[in-house]
Amino acid sequence: MNRTAFITILALGSAASLEAQATLILPDKPLPPAHARMQGAAYVLRDTLFAVTSAAARLQRDFRTTSDASLLSRARDVAAACASAERNIATPRSVLGETPADTRLREREKQRLAGAYEKLAVATGTCVREFQALTKPGQGEAIRGYGNRHASNVVAEIRRYQSALDGYFRAMNIPNRPRGAPENPLAG
């Protein structure tokens, strides 16, 4: 009797876990061509902006104790990353203009993202000018004093852009995955 009850309880308990394994996870539906172009262009810009935030984080990490030469090198890195981002803004901005928006929500998010591109272009341009001015020899103390403030301005604008991009992708039903995440980790 005990053996039969034990086997019955074991079978009922494992049925729930087997049911979870039987769930079918399908891959994402293919995107319309305009949405796929927008996603691809936005992902390229996202990766470029990741270089800007990384360079700014390296500058901010230990600015109090690092040498002036290291600060100059890090300021050059920030200037180069901002210049690269400034060049890469044009592609997603033009693709956004070509993407149709068929509802008021989509049109509003499209306009919000277009504004975010404009502000991001200004912020990256300012970043390039400020950090190129700080990369001249003997500017180590100026970087130590003002570099973090300049870097935090562009990083804050990047965060606002990312928020606008997330809203646009949600409105357009475009998947927006974190950097490095596979298309669908459960679909195989």
N, C-alpha and C. Protein backbone atom coordinates (compact mmCIF):
# COMPACT_ATOMS: atom_id res chain seq x y z
N MET A 1 0.82 -1.19 0.00
CA MET A 1 0.00 0.00 0.00
C MET A 1 0.86 1.26 0.00
N ASN A 2 1.90 1.30 0.84
CA ASN A 2 2.77 2.47 0.91
C ASN A 2 3.52 2.66 -0.40
N ARG A 3 3.95 1.56 -1.01
CA ARG A 3 4.69 1.66 -2.26
C ARG A 3 3.79 2.22 -3.36
N THR A 4 2.56 1.79 -3.43
CA THR A 4 1.63 2.26 -4.45
C THR A 4 1.32 3.74 -4.25
N ALA A 5 1.12 4.17 -3.02
CA ALA A 5 0.83 5.58 -2.72
C ALA A 5 2.05 6.44 -3.07
N PHE A 6 3.24 5.93 -2.76
CA PHE A 6 4.45 6.69 -3.06
C PHE A 6 4.64 6.87 -4.57
N ILE A 7 4.43 5.81 -5.34
CA ILE A 7 4.57 5.87 -6.79
C ILE A 7 3.52 6.79 -7.39
N THR A 8 2.29 6.76 -6.86
CA THR A 8 1.22 7.63 -7.35
C THR A 8 1.56 9.09 -7.09
N ILE A 9 2.03 9.40 -5.90
CA ILE A 9 2.41 10.78 -5.56
C ILE A 9 3.58 11.23 -6.42
N LEU A 10 4.54 10.37 -6.64
CA LEU A 10 5.69 10.70 -7.48
C LEU A 10 5.26 10.97 -8.92
N ALA A 11 4.36 10.16 -9.43
CA ALA A 11 3.88 10.34 -10.81
C ALA A 11 3.10 11.64 -10.95
N LEU A 12 2.26 11.96 -9.98
CA LEU A 12 1.49 13.20 -10.04
C LEU A 12 2.39 14.43 -9.88
N GLY A 13 3.39 14.31 -9.04
CA GLY A 13 4.31 15.43 -8.84
C GLY A 13 5.17 15.70 -10.06
N SER A 14 5.59 14.68 -10.76
CA SER A 14 6.45 14.88 -11.92
C SER A 14 5.65 15.28 -13.16
N ALA A 15 4.35 15.08 -13.17
CA ALA A 15 3.54 15.45 -14.32
C ALA A 15 3.57 16.96 -14.55
N ALA A 16 3.58 17.74 -13.46
CA ALA A 16 3.61 19.20 -13.60
C ALA A 16 4.92 19.66 -14.22
N SER A 17 6.03 19.05 -13.82
CA SER A 17 7.31 19.46 -14.40
C SER A 17 7.43 19.01 -15.85
N LEU A 18 6.85 17.88 -16.18
CA LEU A 18 6.88 17.43 -17.57
C LEU A 18 6.00 18.31 -18.46
N GLU A 19 4.93 18.86 -17.89
CA GLU A 19 4.07 19.74 -18.66
C GLU A 19 4.83 21.00 -19.08
N ALA A 20 5.69 21.53 -18.21
CA ALA A 20 6.47 22.72 -18.55
C ALA A 20 7.44 22.42 -19.68
N GLN A 21 7.96 21.20 -19.74
CA GLN A 21 8.89 20.84 -20.81
C GLN A 21 8.17 20.68 -22.14
N ALA A 22 6.89 20.45 -22.11
CA ALA A 22 6.14 20.24 -23.34
C ALA A 22 5.68 21.56 -23.96
N THR A 23 5.94 22.69 -23.30
CA THR A 23 5.54 23.98 -23.83
C THR A 23 6.36 24.29 -25.07
N LEU A 24 5.68 24.68 -26.12
CA LEU A 24 6.33 24.97 -27.38
C LEU A 24 6.62 26.46 -27.46
N ILE A 25 7.88 26.81 -27.67
CA ILE A 25 8.28 28.20 -27.82
C ILE A 25 8.71 28.39 -29.26
N LEU A 26 7.98 29.24 -29.94
CA LEU A 26 8.23 29.47 -31.35
C LEU A 26 9.20 30.62 -31.54
N PRO A 27 9.96 30.63 -32.62
CA PRO A 27 10.82 31.78 -32.89
C PRO A 27 9.99 33.01 -33.21
N ASP A 28 10.61 34.16 -33.11
CA ASP A 28 9.90 35.41 -33.41
C ASP A 28 9.43 35.42 -34.85
N LYS A 29 8.30 36.10 -35.07
CA LYS A 29 7.81 36.26 -36.43
C LYS A 29 8.77 37.19 -37.18
N PRO A 30 8.95 36.96 -38.47
CA PRO A 30 9.82 37.87 -39.22
C PRO A 30 9.22 39.27 -39.26
N LEU A 31 10.08 40.26 -39.17
CA LEU A 31 9.64 41.65 -39.19
C LEU A 31 9.40 42.12 -40.62
N PRO A 32 8.51 43.08 -40.80
CA PRO A 32 8.40 43.71 -42.12
C PRO A 32 9.74 44.35 -42.48
N PRO A 33 10.05 44.48 -43.76
CA PRO A 33 11.37 44.99 -44.16
C PRO A 33 11.72 46.36 -43.56
N ALA A 34 10.76 47.27 -43.49
CA ALA A 34 11.04 48.59 -42.93
C ALA A 34 11.40 48.49 -41.45
N HIS A 35 10.71 47.63 -40.72
CA HIS A 35 11.00 47.46 -39.30
C HIS A 35 12.33 46.75 -39.09
N ALA A 36 12.65 45.79 -39.95
CA ALA A 36 13.93 45.09 -39.84
C ALA A 36 15.09 46.06 -40.10
N ARG A 37 14.93 46.95 -41.09
CA ARG A 37 15.98 47.94 -41.34
C ARG A 37 16.15 48.88 -40.14
N MET A 38 15.03 49.28 -39.55
CA MET A 38 15.09 50.16 -38.39
C MET A 38 15.77 49.47 -37.22
N GLN A 39 15.41 48.22 -36.99
CA GLN A 39 16.02 47.47 -35.89
C GLN A 39 17.53 47.34 -36.11
N GLY A 40 17.94 46.98 -37.32
CA GLY A 40 19.36 46.82 -37.61
C GLY A 40 20.13 48.12 -37.44
N ALA A 41 19.58 49.22 -37.96
CA ALA A 41 20.26 50.52 -37.83
C ALA A 41 20.34 50.96 -36.37
N ALA A 42 19.27 50.73 -35.62
CA ALA A 42 19.27 51.11 -34.20
C ALA A 42 20.25 50.27 -33.41
N TYR A 43 20.39 48.99 -33.76
CA TYR A 43 21.34 48.14 -33.04
C TYR A 43 22.78 48.55 -33.33
N VAL A 44 23.07 48.97 -34.55
CA VAL A 44 24.43 49.44 -34.85
C VAL A 44 24.73 50.69 -34.03
N LEU A 45 23.78 51.62 -33.98
CA LEU A 45 23.98 52.82 -33.18
C LEU A 45 24.09 52.47 -31.70
N ARG A 46 23.28 51.53 -31.24
CA ARG A 46 23.34 51.13 -29.83
C ARG A 46 24.73 50.62 -29.47
N ASP A 47 25.32 49.82 -30.34
CA ASP A 47 26.66 49.31 -30.06
C ASP A 47 27.70 50.42 -30.07
N THR A 48 27.52 51.41 -30.94
CA THR A 48 28.43 52.55 -30.96
C THR A 48 28.28 53.38 -29.69
N LEU A 49 27.04 53.56 -29.24
CA LEU A 49 26.81 54.32 -28.01
C LEU A 49 27.33 53.57 -26.78
N PHE A 50 27.36 52.25 -26.87
CA PHE A 50 27.94 51.46 -25.79
C PHE A 50 29.42 51.80 -25.62
N ALA A 51 30.11 52.05 -26.73
CA ALA A 51 31.52 52.45 -26.66
C ALA A 51 31.66 53.80 -25.96
N VAL A 52 30.72 54.71 -26.20
CA VAL A 52 30.77 56.02 -25.54
C VAL A 52 30.58 55.86 -24.04
N THR A 53 29.57 55.11 -23.63
CA THR A 53 29.32 54.94 -22.19
C THR A 53 30.46 54.19 -21.52
N SER A 54 31.07 53.25 -22.24
CA SER A 54 32.21 52.52 -21.67
C SER A 54 33.41 53.44 -21.49
N ALA A 55 33.69 54.25 -22.50
CA ALA A 55 34.82 55.18 -22.39
C ALA A 55 34.58 56.20 -21.28
N ALA A 56 33.36 56.67 -21.14
CA ALA A 56 33.03 57.61 -20.07
C ALA A 56 33.17 56.94 -18.70
N ALA A 57 32.78 55.69 -18.61
CA ALA A 57 32.90 54.97 -17.33
C ALA A 57 34.37 54.77 -16.96
N ARG A 58 35.21 54.47 -17.95
CA ARG A 58 36.64 54.33 -17.66
C ARG A 58 37.23 55.66 -17.19
N LEU A 59 36.79 56.75 -17.79
CA LEU A 59 37.27 58.07 -17.37
C LEU A 59 36.82 58.36 -15.94
N GLN A 60 35.59 58.04 -15.62
CA GLN A 60 35.03 58.36 -14.31
C GLN A 60 35.48 57.41 -13.21
N ARG A 61 35.95 56.24 -13.60
CA ARG A 61 36.25 55.19 -12.63
C ARG A 61 37.28 55.62 -11.60
N ASP A 62 38.43 56.08 -12.04
CA ASP A 62 39.48 56.39 -11.07
C ASP A 62 40.19 57.69 -11.43
N PHE A 63 39.42 58.71 -11.72
CA PHE A 63 40.01 59.98 -12.15
C PHE A 63 40.81 60.65 -11.04
N ARG A 64 40.52 60.33 -9.79
CA ARG A 64 41.23 60.98 -8.68
C ARG A 64 42.66 60.48 -8.53
N THR A 65 42.91 59.23 -8.88
CA THR A 65 44.23 58.65 -8.61
C THR A 65 45.06 58.37 -9.85
N THR A 66 44.49 58.47 -11.02
CA THR A 66 45.24 58.13 -12.23
C THR A 66 46.14 59.28 -12.67
N SER A 67 47.11 58.96 -13.49
CA SER A 67 48.07 59.96 -13.95
C SER A 67 47.45 60.86 -15.01
N ASP A 68 48.09 61.99 -15.23
CA ASP A 68 47.60 62.92 -16.25
C ASP A 68 47.66 62.29 -17.64
N ALA A 69 48.70 61.51 -17.91
CA ALA A 69 48.82 60.85 -19.22
C ALA A 69 47.67 59.87 -19.45
N SER A 70 47.29 59.14 -18.42
CA SER A 70 46.17 58.21 -18.55
C SER A 70 44.85 58.97 -18.75
N LEU A 71 44.71 60.08 -18.07
CA LEU A 71 43.50 60.90 -18.25
C LEU A 71 43.42 61.43 -19.68
N LEU A 72 44.56 61.88 -20.23
CA LEU A 72 44.57 62.35 -21.61
C LEU A 72 44.18 61.23 -22.57
N SER A 73 44.69 60.04 -22.32
CA SER A 73 44.36 58.89 -23.17
C SER A 73 42.87 58.56 -23.08
N ARG A 74 42.34 58.60 -21.89
CA ARG A 74 40.91 58.30 -21.72
C ARG A 74 40.04 59.39 -22.34
N ALA A 75 40.48 60.63 -22.28
CA ALA A 75 39.73 61.71 -22.93
C ALA A 75 39.76 61.54 -24.44
N ARG A 76 40.89 61.08 -24.99
CA ARG A 76 40.95 60.79 -26.43
C ARG A 76 39.98 59.67 -26.79
N ASP A 77 39.90 58.66 -25.92
CA ASP A 77 38.97 57.55 -26.17
C ASP A 77 37.52 58.05 -26.19
N VAL A 78 37.16 58.91 -25.26
CA VAL A 78 35.80 59.45 -25.21
C VAL A 78 35.53 60.28 -26.46
N ALA A 79 36.49 61.11 -26.87
CA ALA A 79 36.31 61.94 -28.06
C ALA A 79 36.14 61.07 -29.30
N ALA A 80 36.94 60.00 -29.42
CA ALA A 80 36.83 59.12 -30.58
C ALA A 80 35.50 58.37 -30.59
N ALA A 81 35.07 57.91 -29.43
CA ALA A 81 33.78 57.19 -29.35
C ALA A 81 32.62 58.12 -29.67
N CYS A 82 32.68 59.36 -29.19
CA CYS A 82 31.62 60.32 -29.50
C CYS A 82 31.62 60.66 -30.99
N ALA A 83 32.80 60.79 -31.59
CA ALA A 83 32.87 61.08 -33.03
C ALA A 83 32.26 59.93 -33.84
N SER A 84 32.54 58.71 -33.42
CA SER A 84 31.97 57.55 -34.10
C SER A 84 30.45 57.52 -33.97
N ALA A 85 29.97 57.82 -32.78
CA ALA A 85 28.52 57.83 -32.56
C ALA A 85 27.87 58.95 -33.38
N GLU A 86 28.53 60.09 -33.44
CA GLU A 86 27.98 61.21 -34.21
C GLU A 86 27.83 60.85 -35.69
N ARG A 87 28.80 60.11 -36.22
CA ARG A 87 28.73 59.67 -37.62
C ARG A 87 27.62 58.64 -37.82
N ASN A 88 27.36 57.80 -36.84
CA ASN A 88 26.40 56.71 -36.99
C ASN A 88 24.95 57.11 -36.74
N ILE A 89 24.69 58.32 -36.31
CA ILE A 89 23.32 58.75 -36.05
C ILE A 89 22.54 58.93 -37.34
N ALA A 90 23.20 59.30 -38.41
CA ALA A 90 22.51 59.62 -39.67
C ALA A 90 21.73 58.43 -40.23
N THR A 91 22.27 57.23 -40.14
CA THR A 91 21.61 56.08 -40.75
C THR A 91 20.27 55.76 -40.07
N PRO A 92 20.22 55.56 -38.76
CA PRO A 92 18.90 55.27 -38.18
C PRO A 92 17.93 56.44 -38.29
N ARG A 93 18.44 57.66 -38.31
CA ARG A 93 17.56 58.81 -38.47
C ARG A 93 16.89 58.78 -39.85
N SER A 94 17.65 58.46 -40.89
CA SER A 94 17.06 58.40 -42.23
C SER A 94 16.11 57.21 -42.38
N VAL A 95 16.47 56.08 -41.77
CA VAL A 95 15.59 54.90 -41.82
C VAL A 95 14.29 55.19 -41.07
N LEU A 96 14.37 55.93 -39.97
CA LEU A 96 13.17 56.29 -39.22
C LEU A 96 12.23 57.12 -40.09
N GLY A 97 12.77 58.02 -40.88
CA GLY A 97 11.94 58.83 -41.76
C GLY A 97 11.22 58.02 -42.81
N GLU A 98 11.79 56.88 -43.20
CA GLU A 98 11.18 56.02 -44.21
C GLU A 98 10.17 55.02 -43.63
N THR A 99 10.17 54.84 -42.33
CA THR A 99 9.31 53.85 -41.69
C THR A 99 7.91 54.41 -41.49
N PRO A 100 6.88 53.72 -41.98
CA PRO A 100 5.52 54.25 -41.83
C PRO A 100 5.01 54.09 -40.39
N ALA A 101 4.18 55.02 -39.99
CA ALA A 101 3.52 54.96 -38.68
C ALA A 101 2.02 55.10 -38.93
N ASP A 102 1.27 54.02 -38.68
CA ASP A 102 -0.14 54.00 -39.08
C ASP A 102 -1.12 54.33 -37.96
N THR A 103 -0.65 54.57 -36.75
CA THR A 103 -1.55 54.96 -35.67
C THR A 103 -1.00 56.22 -35.00
N ARG A 104 -1.83 56.85 -34.19
CA ARG A 104 -1.37 58.06 -33.49
C ARG A 104 -0.26 57.73 -32.51
N LEU A 105 -0.37 56.60 -31.81
CA LEU A 105 0.68 56.20 -30.87
C LEU A 105 2.00 56.02 -31.60
N ARG A 106 1.96 55.32 -32.70
CA ARG A 106 3.19 55.07 -33.45
C ARG A 106 3.78 56.38 -33.99
N GLU A 107 2.91 57.27 -34.45
CA GLU A 107 3.40 58.56 -34.96
C GLU A 107 4.01 59.39 -33.84
N ARG A 108 3.37 59.37 -32.67
CA ARG A 108 3.90 60.12 -31.53
C ARG A 108 5.26 59.57 -31.10
N GLU A 109 5.39 58.25 -31.04
CA GLU A 109 6.68 57.65 -30.66
C GLU A 109 7.74 57.89 -31.73
N LYS A 110 7.31 57.92 -32.97
CA LYS A 110 8.25 58.20 -34.07
C LYS A 110 8.78 59.63 -33.94
N GLN A 111 7.90 60.58 -33.65
CA GLN A 111 8.33 61.96 -33.47
C GLN A 111 9.22 62.11 -32.24
N ARG A 112 8.89 61.40 -31.18
CA ARG A 112 9.72 61.43 -29.97
C ARG A 112 11.11 60.90 -30.26
N LEU A 113 11.19 59.82 -31.03
CA LEU A 113 12.50 59.25 -31.38
C LEU A 113 13.26 60.19 -32.31
N ALA A 114 12.58 60.82 -33.24
CA ALA A 114 13.24 61.78 -34.13
C ALA A 114 13.84 62.93 -33.32
N GLY A 115 13.11 63.41 -32.33
CA GLY A 115 13.64 64.44 -31.44
C GLY A 115 14.83 63.96 -30.64
N ALA A 116 14.77 62.70 -30.22
CA ALA A 116 15.89 62.12 -29.46
C ALA A 116 17.13 62.02 -30.33
N TYR A 117 16.95 61.70 -31.62
CA TYR A 117 18.10 61.68 -32.53
C TYR A 117 18.73 63.06 -32.66
N GLU A 118 17.89 64.09 -32.76
CA GLU A 118 18.41 65.46 -32.86
C GLU A 118 19.22 65.83 -31.62
N LYS A 119 18.65 65.56 -30.45
CA LYS A 119 19.34 65.89 -29.20
C LYS A 119 20.61 65.06 -29.02
N LEU A 120 20.56 63.80 -29.45
CA LEU A 120 21.75 62.94 -29.36
C LEU A 120 22.85 63.44 -30.29
N ALA A 121 22.48 63.91 -31.47
CA ALA A 121 23.47 64.46 -32.39
C ALA A 121 24.14 65.70 -31.79
N VAL A 122 23.36 66.56 -31.15
CA VAL A 122 23.93 67.74 -30.50
C VAL A 122 24.85 67.32 -29.36
N ALA A 123 24.40 66.36 -28.55
CA ALA A 123 25.20 65.92 -27.39
C ALA A 123 26.51 65.28 -27.82
N THR A 124 26.47 64.44 -28.85
CA THR A 124 27.72 63.80 -29.29
C THR A 124 28.64 64.82 -29.95
N GLY A 125 28.09 65.78 -30.69
CA GLY A 125 28.92 66.84 -31.27
C GLY A 125 29.59 67.68 -30.20
N THR A 126 28.84 68.02 -29.17
CA THR A 126 29.40 68.76 -28.04
C THR A 126 30.47 67.94 -27.35
N CYS A 127 30.22 66.67 -27.18
CA CYS A 127 31.18 65.76 -26.55
C CYS A 127 32.50 65.75 -27.33
N VAL A 128 32.40 65.66 -28.64
CA VAL A 128 33.61 65.64 -29.48
C VAL A 128 34.40 66.93 -29.28
N ARG A 129 33.73 68.07 -29.37
CA ARG A 129 34.42 69.36 -29.23
C ARG A 129 35.05 69.51 -27.85
N GLU A 130 34.29 69.17 -26.81
CA GLU A 130 34.80 69.36 -25.45
C GLU A 130 35.99 68.44 -25.16
N PHE A 131 35.88 67.19 -25.56
CA PHE A 131 36.96 66.27 -25.24
C PHE A 131 38.16 66.44 -26.16
N GLN A 132 37.97 66.89 -27.39
CA GLN A 132 39.13 67.19 -28.21
C GLN A 132 39.89 68.38 -27.65
N ALA A 133 39.18 69.35 -27.09
CA ALA A 133 39.84 70.49 -26.46
C ALA A 133 40.61 70.05 -25.21
N LEU A 134 40.12 69.01 -24.55
CA LEU A 134 40.78 68.53 -23.32
C LEU A 134 41.95 67.58 -23.60
N THR A 135 42.16 67.19 -24.83
CA THR A 135 43.21 66.20 -25.11
C THR A 135 44.56 66.83 -25.44
N LYS A 136 44.66 68.11 -25.33
CA LYS A 136 45.95 68.77 -25.58
C LYS A 136 46.88 68.50 -24.40
N PRO A 137 48.18 68.42 -24.65
CA PRO A 137 49.13 68.17 -23.55
C PRO A 137 48.99 69.21 -22.44
N GLY A 138 49.10 68.76 -21.22
CA GLY A 138 48.99 69.63 -20.07
C GLY A 138 47.58 69.85 -19.57
N GLN A 139 46.61 69.15 -20.14
CA GLN A 139 45.20 69.32 -19.75
C GLN A 139 44.74 68.27 -18.74
N GLY A 140 45.65 67.53 -18.16
CA GLY A 140 45.27 66.46 -17.24
C GLY A 140 44.42 66.94 -16.08
N GLU A 141 44.80 68.06 -15.48
CA GLU A 141 44.02 68.57 -14.35
C GLU A 141 42.66 69.10 -14.81
N ALA A 142 42.60 69.64 -16.01
CA ALA A 142 41.30 70.08 -16.53
C ALA A 142 40.38 68.89 -16.74
N ILE A 143 40.93 67.79 -17.23
CA ILE A 143 40.13 66.57 -17.39
C ILE A 143 39.66 66.07 -16.03
N ARG A 144 40.58 66.10 -15.07
CA ARG A 144 40.23 65.65 -13.72
C ARG A 144 39.10 66.51 -13.16
N GLY A 145 39.11 67.79 -13.43
CA GLY A 145 38.11 68.68 -12.87
C GLY A 145 36.81 68.72 -13.65
N TYR A 146 36.89 68.66 -15.00
CA TYR A 146 35.69 68.88 -15.80
C TYR A 146 35.28 67.68 -16.65
N GLY A 147 36.15 66.71 -16.81
CA GLY A 147 35.86 65.58 -17.69
C GLY A 147 34.63 64.79 -17.29
N ASN A 148 34.46 64.55 -16.01
CA ASN A 148 33.31 63.77 -15.57
C ASN A 148 31.99 64.49 -15.84
N ARG A 149 31.99 65.80 -15.66
CA ARG A 149 30.76 66.56 -15.91
C ARG A 149 30.41 66.50 -17.40
N HIS A 150 31.42 66.67 -18.26
CA HIS A 150 31.18 66.60 -19.69
C HIS A 150 30.71 65.20 -20.09
N ALA A 151 31.34 64.19 -19.53
CA ALA A 151 30.97 62.81 -19.86
C ALA A 151 29.57 62.48 -19.36
N SER A 152 29.21 62.97 -18.18
CA SER A 152 27.88 62.65 -17.65
C SER A 152 26.78 63.30 -18.49
N ASN A 153 27.07 64.43 -19.12
CA ASN A 153 26.06 65.06 -19.99
C ASN A 153 25.72 64.17 -21.18
N VAL A 154 26.73 63.65 -21.85
CA VAL A 154 26.46 62.81 -23.02
C VAL A 154 25.85 61.48 -22.60
N VAL A 155 26.27 60.93 -21.48
CA VAL A 155 25.70 59.66 -21.01
C VAL A 155 24.23 59.85 -20.65
N ALA A 156 23.88 60.97 -20.05
CA ALA A 156 22.46 61.23 -19.72
C ALA A 156 21.63 61.34 -21.00
N GLU A 157 22.18 61.96 -22.03
CA GLU A 157 21.44 62.07 -23.30
C GLU A 157 21.30 60.70 -23.96
N ILE A 158 22.30 59.86 -23.83
CA ILE A 158 22.21 58.49 -24.36
C ILE A 158 21.09 57.74 -23.66
N ARG A 159 20.98 57.89 -22.36
CA ARG A 159 19.91 57.22 -21.60
C ARG A 159 18.52 57.70 -22.06
N ARG A 160 18.39 59.00 -22.30
CA ARG A 160 17.11 59.53 -22.78
C ARG A 160 16.79 58.98 -24.18
N TYR A 161 17.81 58.89 -25.02
CA TYR A 161 17.61 58.31 -26.36
C TYR A 161 17.16 56.86 -26.23
N GLN A 162 17.80 56.09 -25.36
CA GLN A 162 17.44 54.69 -25.20
C GLN A 162 16.00 54.53 -24.73
N SER A 163 15.55 55.44 -23.89
CA SER A 163 14.15 55.41 -23.44
C SER A 163 13.21 55.68 -24.62
N ALA A 164 13.55 56.66 -25.45
CA ALA A 164 12.72 56.96 -26.63
C ALA A 164 12.73 55.78 -27.60
N LEU A 165 13.88 55.15 -27.78
CA LEU A 165 13.97 54.00 -28.68
C LEU A 165 13.14 52.84 -28.15
N ASP A 166 13.18 52.60 -26.85
CA ASP A 166 12.37 51.53 -26.27
C ASP A 166 10.88 51.78 -26.50
N GLY A 167 10.44 53.03 -26.31
CA GLY A 167 9.04 53.36 -26.54
C GLY A 167 8.64 53.16 -27.99
N TYR A 168 9.52 53.55 -28.90
CA TYR A 168 9.24 53.38 -30.33
C TYR A 168 9.16 51.90 -30.69
N PHE A 169 10.11 51.11 -30.21
CA PHE A 169 10.10 49.68 -30.51
C PHE A 169 8.86 49.00 -29.93
N ARG A 170 8.43 49.40 -28.73
CA ARG A 170 7.21 48.82 -28.16
C ARG A 170 6.00 49.18 -29.02
N ALA A 171 5.92 50.44 -29.44
CA ALA A 171 4.77 50.87 -30.25
C ALA A 171 4.74 50.16 -31.60
N MET A 172 5.89 49.89 -32.17
CA MET A 172 5.97 49.26 -33.49
C MET A 172 6.05 47.73 -33.42
N ASN A 173 6.03 47.18 -32.21
CA ASN A 173 6.15 45.72 -32.01
C ASN A 173 7.44 45.16 -32.59
N ILE A 174 8.52 45.87 -32.38
CA ILE A 174 9.85 45.43 -32.81
C ILE A 174 10.57 44.90 -31.57
N PRO A 175 11.06 43.67 -31.60
CA PRO A 175 11.78 43.16 -30.43
C PRO A 175 13.04 44.00 -30.17
N ASN A 176 13.26 44.30 -28.91
CA ASN A 176 14.43 45.08 -28.52
C ASN A 176 15.14 44.32 -27.40
N ARG A 177 16.14 43.59 -27.78
CA ARG A 177 16.85 42.74 -26.82
C ARG A 177 18.09 43.43 -26.30
N PRO A 178 18.51 43.04 -25.12
CA PRO A 178 19.77 43.58 -24.59
C PRO A 178 20.94 43.19 -25.50
N ARG A 179 21.98 43.96 -25.43
CA ARG A 179 23.17 43.72 -26.22
C ARG A 179 23.73 42.34 -25.89
N GLY A 180 23.98 41.55 -26.91
CA GLY A 180 24.55 40.22 -26.74
C GLY A 180 23.55 39.11 -26.55
N ALA A 181 22.28 39.43 -26.38
CA ALA A 181 21.26 38.39 -26.18
C ALA A 181 20.93 37.76 -27.53
N PRO A 182 20.78 36.42 -27.54
CA PRO A 182 20.40 35.77 -28.80
C PRO A 182 18.96 36.12 -29.16
N GLU A 183 18.56 35.80 -30.40
CA GLU A 183 17.22 36.16 -30.86
C GLU A 183 16.13 35.64 -29.94
N ASN A 184 16.13 34.37 -29.66
CA ASN A 184 15.19 33.82 -28.70
C ASN A 184 15.91 32.66 -28.02
N PRO A 185 16.35 32.86 -26.79
CA PRO A 185 17.19 31.85 -26.14
C PRO A 185 16.48 30.51 -25.93
N LEU A 186 15.16 30.50 -25.95
CA LEU A 186 14.44 29.26 -25.69
C LEU A 186 14.02 28.54 -26.95
N ALA A 187 14.02 29.23 -28.07
CA ALA A 187 13.66 28.59 -29.33
C ALA A 187 14.91 27.93 -29.91
N GLY A 188 14.75 26.76 -30.40
CA GLY A 188 15.96 26.13 -30.81
C GLY A 188 15.94 25.46 -32.07
